[in-house]
Amino acid sequence: MRPRNSSFVLLAVAMLAIGLDVGVARITYGVVLPAFARDLQLSLTGAGLLGTLHLIGYLLGTLASPSLNAKVGALALCRASHLVFACAMLVCGLTSDITTMAAGRFVAGLAAGFGVFSIFLIVFDAIEPDKRAVVGSLVWSGIGVAIVASGLASGPILDEGAWRLSFVVPAALALAVGVCIPRTASAARTQPKAFDASSSRLAELISGSWISSSRRISCSLRATYPTQHLLASC
């Protein structure tokens, strides 16, 4: 894999990992909560308990990450955590037993805590220190992508039984992260300058996309509400 390509892949995988570990695991859970609470006849107390167990697991995983990382290394920790995360999400998506769901939520939170810690170590190890702020913000933007995706998919996944896909699909994506991250990290780490260039280019693409989208929305609003004074010009 060419250095520049491997850098793009690592950045994309890191954004996906953060989107899964934080965005999907927390935000999407809230989106689908009414559907699976209805199907599993789950009380509000039970739903709150599942969310609490996930956060407890995340806290424990985060606190235990430094010592575990010192023993096995960031790559091994990232790979193992996302494979465990995938298994936990799959269990949550397939079970109808509340106790099993609770165990899955806790383990997913634990794995997510390890995953977030390790993914940033891997990415920051592959870039120059002065670029870490930009790259870190890009990686964290994966959460926003996950939130937007959850909102767009909220209609279909709230149908009876379809909420299970919100666990099964992320499980498959987390499995891909666990498989892809070691190879892409090794390739990008050997070419930090290429990674810096890739991150800068991706930042330009993202900002350009947001500006273009904002202009289209502004033009649409001006066409719909011509009497309103909007700052953006078409």
Protein backbone atom coordinates (compact mmCIF):
# COMPACT_ATOMS: atom_id res chain seq x y z
CA MET A 1 0.00 0.00 0.00
CA ARG A 2 1.38 3.45 -0.94
CA PRO A 3 2.28 5.67 2.06
CA ARG A 4 -0.29 8.34 1.24
CA ASN A 5 -3.02 5.76 0.74
CA SER A 6 -2.14 3.99 3.99
CA SER A 7 -2.31 7.33 5.81
CA PHE A 8 -5.78 8.05 4.48
CA VAL A 9 -6.89 4.55 5.42
CA LEU A 10 -5.51 4.86 8.96
CA LEU A 11 -7.24 8.19 9.46
CA ALA A 12 -10.52 6.83 8.09
CA VAL A 13 -10.29 3.70 10.24
CA ALA A 14 -9.52 5.82 13.31
CA MET A 15 -12.57 8.03 12.63
CA LEU A 16 -14.69 4.91 12.19
CA ALA A 17 -13.34 3.42 15.42
CA ILE A 18 -14.16 6.54 17.45
CA GLY A 19 -17.56 6.76 15.78
CA LEU A 20 -18.31 3.20 16.86
CA ASP A 21 -16.76 3.35 20.34
CA VAL A 22 -18.46 6.59 21.36
CA GLY A 23 -21.03 7.68 18.79
CA VAL A 24 -22.79 4.42 17.98
CA ALA A 25 -22.33 2.76 21.36
CA ARG A 26 -23.92 5.71 23.17
CA ILE A 27 -25.90 7.92 20.81
CA THR A 28 -27.40 5.22 18.62
CA TYR A 29 -28.40 3.33 21.76
CA GLY A 30 -30.56 6.29 22.73
CA VAL A 31 -32.05 6.48 19.25
CA VAL A 32 -33.15 2.83 19.19
CA LEU A 33 -34.05 2.65 22.88
CA PRO A 34 -37.81 3.18 22.37
CA ALA A 35 -37.95 0.37 19.80
CA PHE A 36 -36.09 -2.34 21.67
CA ALA A 37 -37.58 -1.29 25.03
CA ARG A 38 -40.99 -1.90 23.46
CA ASP A 39 -40.02 -5.22 21.89
CA LEU A 40 -38.29 -6.53 25.02
CA GLN A 41 -40.87 -4.99 27.39
CA LEU A 42 -38.12 -3.09 29.12
CA SER A 43 -38.98 -0.55 31.84
CA LEU A 44 -37.44 2.90 32.05
CA THR A 45 -35.43 1.73 35.04
CA GLY A 46 -34.10 -1.22 33.07
CA ALA A 47 -33.21 0.97 30.10
CA GLY A 48 -31.36 3.37 32.38
CA LEU A 49 -29.51 0.47 33.98
CA LEU A 50 -28.28 -0.75 30.58
CA GLY A 51 -26.95 2.71 29.81
CA THR A 52 -25.29 2.98 33.21
CA LEU A 53 -23.58 -0.40 32.86
CA HIS A 54 -22.14 0.70 29.53
CA LEU A 55 -20.71 3.88 31.02
CA ILE A 56 -19.28 1.99 34.01
CA GLY A 57 -17.58 -0.39 31.60
CA TYR A 58 -16.22 2.54 29.58
CA LEU A 59 -14.83 4.17 32.72
CA LEU A 60 -13.13 0.98 33.87
CA GLY A 61 -11.70 0.37 30.42
CA THR A 62 -10.28 3.89 30.25
CA LEU A 63 -8.72 3.64 33.71
CA ALA A 64 -7.18 0.24 32.98
CA SER A 65 -5.88 1.17 29.52
CA PRO A 66 -2.48 2.64 30.50
CA SER A 67 -1.36 -0.43 32.45
CA LEU A 68 -2.67 -2.87 29.86
CA ASN A 69 -1.09 -0.87 27.06
CA ALA A 70 2.27 -1.09 28.82
CA LYS A 71 1.99 -4.87 28.77
CA VAL A 72 0.65 -5.63 25.29
CA GLY A 73 1.14 -2.45 23.25
CA ALA A 74 -1.33 -0.14 21.53
CA LEU A 75 -1.78 -2.19 18.35
CA ALA A 76 -2.62 -5.40 20.18
CA LEU A 77 -4.89 -3.52 22.57
CA CYS A 78 -6.74 -1.79 19.73
CA ARG A 79 -7.19 -4.98 17.78
CA ALA A 80 -8.40 -7.01 20.78
CA SER A 81 -10.69 -4.27 22.09
CA HIS A 82 -12.51 -3.86 18.79
CA LEU A 83 -12.88 -7.60 18.30
CA VAL A 84 -14.39 -7.84 21.80
CA PHE A 85 -16.54 -4.79 21.05
CA ALA A 86 -17.80 -6.52 17.90
CA CYS A 87 -18.73 -9.67 19.84
CA ALA A 88 -20.49 -7.67 22.56
CA MET A 89 -22.51 -5.65 20.05
CA LEU A 90 -23.45 -8.82 18.19
CA VAL A 91 -24.69 -10.38 21.42
CA CYS A 92 -26.79 -7.28 22.14
CA GLY A 93 -28.25 -7.42 18.65
CA LEU A 94 -29.22 -11.08 18.78
CA THR A 95 -30.41 -11.59 22.34
CA SER A 96 -33.86 -11.10 23.80
CA ASP A 97 -32.71 -11.73 27.36
CA ILE A 98 -32.26 -8.61 29.50
CA THR A 99 -29.44 -10.12 31.59
CA THR A 100 -27.50 -11.04 28.46
CA MET A 101 -28.15 -7.58 27.03
CA ALA A 102 -26.83 -6.02 30.23
CA ALA A 103 -23.66 -8.10 30.06
CA GLY A 104 -23.20 -7.15 26.41
CA ARG A 105 -23.62 -3.45 27.15
CA PHE A 106 -21.07 -3.61 29.96
CA VAL A 107 -18.50 -5.48 27.88
CA ALA A 108 -19.05 -3.13 24.93
CA GLY A 109 -18.37 -0.17 27.20
CA LEU A 110 -15.25 -1.81 28.60
CA ALA A 111 -13.94 -2.54 25.11
CA ALA A 112 -14.79 0.98 23.94
CA GLY A 113 -12.72 2.45 26.77
CA PHE A 114 -9.71 0.41 25.67
CA GLY A 115 -10.43 1.19 22.01
CA VAL A 116 -10.53 4.98 22.34
CA PHE A 117 -7.31 5.04 24.37
CA SER A 118 -5.41 2.79 21.99
CA ILE A 119 -6.62 4.34 18.73
CA PHE A 120 -5.30 7.76 19.72
CA LEU A 121 -1.96 6.30 20.76
CA ILE A 122 -1.66 4.64 17.36
CA VAL A 123 -2.62 7.73 15.38
CA PHE A 124 -0.46 10.12 17.40
CA ASP A 125 2.50 7.77 17.09
CA ALA A 126 2.23 8.05 13.30
CA ILE A 127 2.35 11.86 13.06
CA GLU A 128 4.52 14.80 14.02
CA PRO A 129 3.65 16.46 17.38
CA ASP A 130 2.67 19.79 15.79
CA LYS A 131 -0.01 18.06 13.68
CA ARG A 132 -1.69 16.18 16.51
CA ALA A 133 -4.28 18.86 17.29
CA VAL A 134 -5.60 18.85 13.70
CA VAL A 135 -5.54 15.10 13.36
CA GLY A 136 -7.10 14.61 16.79
CA SER A 137 -10.02 16.86 15.85
CA LEU A 138 -10.51 14.90 12.64
CA VAL A 139 -10.56 11.60 14.50
CA TRP A 140 -13.07 12.94 17.02
CA SER A 141 -15.28 14.10 14.15
CA GLY A 142 -16.13 10.42 13.67
CA ILE A 143 -18.55 10.87 16.58
CA GLY A 144 -20.41 13.56 14.67
CA VAL A 145 -20.61 11.35 11.60
CA ALA A 146 -22.07 8.56 13.73
CA ILE A 147 -24.64 10.93 15.23
CA VAL A 148 -25.75 12.17 11.81
CA ALA A 149 -25.94 8.60 10.49
CA SER A 150 -28.02 7.58 13.50
CA GLY A 151 -30.44 10.41 12.88
CA LEU A 152 -30.80 9.57 9.19
CA ALA A 153 -31.39 5.89 9.95
CA SER A 154 -33.71 6.50 12.91
CA GLY A 155 -36.89 6.01 10.87
CA PRO A 156 -36.18 2.54 9.45
CA ILE A 157 -34.44 1.16 12.56
CA LEU A 158 -37.34 2.10 14.82
CA ASP A 159 -39.55 -0.41 13.02
CA GLU A 160 -40.35 -3.59 14.89
CA GLY A 161 -37.26 -5.80 15.08
CA ALA A 162 -35.15 -3.54 12.86
CA TRP A 163 -33.39 -2.04 15.90
CA ARG A 164 -31.23 -5.16 16.01
CA LEU A 165 -29.41 -3.92 12.92
CA SER A 166 -28.10 -0.98 14.96
CA PHE A 167 -26.06 -3.52 16.92
CA VAL A 168 -25.27 -6.06 14.22
CA VAL A 169 -24.00 -3.60 11.58
CA PRO A 170 -21.63 -1.82 14.03
CA ALA A 171 -20.39 -5.24 15.12
CA ALA A 172 -19.33 -5.97 11.54
CA LEU A 173 -17.66 -2.56 11.24
CA ALA A 174 -15.80 -3.03 14.53
CA LEU A 175 -14.55 -6.37 13.25
CA ALA A 176 -13.19 -4.58 10.18
CA VAL A 177 -11.43 -2.03 12.42
CA GLY A 178 -9.82 -4.81 14.44
CA VAL A 179 -8.53 -6.45 11.28
CA CYS A 180 -7.43 -3.31 9.39
CA ILE A 181 -5.86 -1.12 12.05
CA PRO A 182 -2.58 -3.05 12.60
CA ARG A 183 -1.58 -3.05 8.93
CA THR A 184 -2.55 0.55 8.22
CA ALA A 185 -0.87 1.80 11.40
CA SER A 186 2.43 0.13 10.55
CA ALA A 187 2.43 1.55 7.02
CA ALA A 188 1.53 5.10 8.09
CA ARG A 189 4.05 5.15 10.95
CA THR A 190 6.92 4.68 8.48
CA GLN A 191 5.86 7.81 6.55
CA PRO A 192 4.82 10.51 9.09
CA LYS A 193 5.13 13.32 6.52
CA ALA A 194 2.74 11.53 4.18
CA PHE A 195 0.34 11.15 7.08
CA ASP A 196 0.56 14.85 7.86
CA ALA A 197 -0.17 15.71 4.22
CA SER A 198 -3.09 13.28 4.14
CA SER A 199 -4.62 14.69 7.32
CA SER A 200 -4.32 18.25 6.00
CA ARG A 201 -5.92 17.24 2.71
CA LEU A 202 -8.77 15.48 4.52
CA ALA A 203 -9.30 18.55 6.69
CA GLU A 204 -9.60 20.65 3.54
CA LEU A 205 -12.08 18.20 2.02
CA ILE A 206 -14.23 18.11 5.16
CA SER A 207 -14.25 21.89 5.62
CA GLY A 208 -14.96 22.40 1.93
CA SER A 209 -17.83 19.95 2.09
CA TRP A 210 -19.34 21.71 5.10
CA ILE A 211 -19.04 25.13 3.42
CA SER A 212 -20.62 23.83 0.22
CA SER A 213 -23.46 22.19 2.15
CA SER A 214 -24.05 25.37 4.18
CA ARG A 215 -24.26 27.46 1.02
CA ARG A 216 -26.77 25.08 -0.54
CA ILE A 217 -28.92 25.14 2.60
CA SER A 218 -28.75 28.95 2.74
CA CYS A 219 -29.77 29.27 -0.91
CA SER A 220 -32.65 26.88 -0.34
CA LEU A 221 -33.84 28.87 2.67
CA ARG A 222 -33.66 32.14 0.74
CA ALA A 223 -35.74 30.61 -2.04
CA THR A 224 -38.30 29.34 0.46
CA TYR A 225 -38.33 32.39 2.73
CA PRO A 226 -37.38 35.35 0.50
CA THR A 227 -38.27 37.93 3.15
CA GLN A 228 -35.74 36.56 5.60
CA HIS A 229 -32.32 38.22 5.68
CA LEU A 230 -29.71 35.50 5.60
CA LEU A 231 -26.02 36.17 5.98
CA ALA A 232 -24.82 33.68 3.37
CA SER A 233 -25.02 34.71 -0.26
CA CYS A 234 -25.72 32.40 -3.18
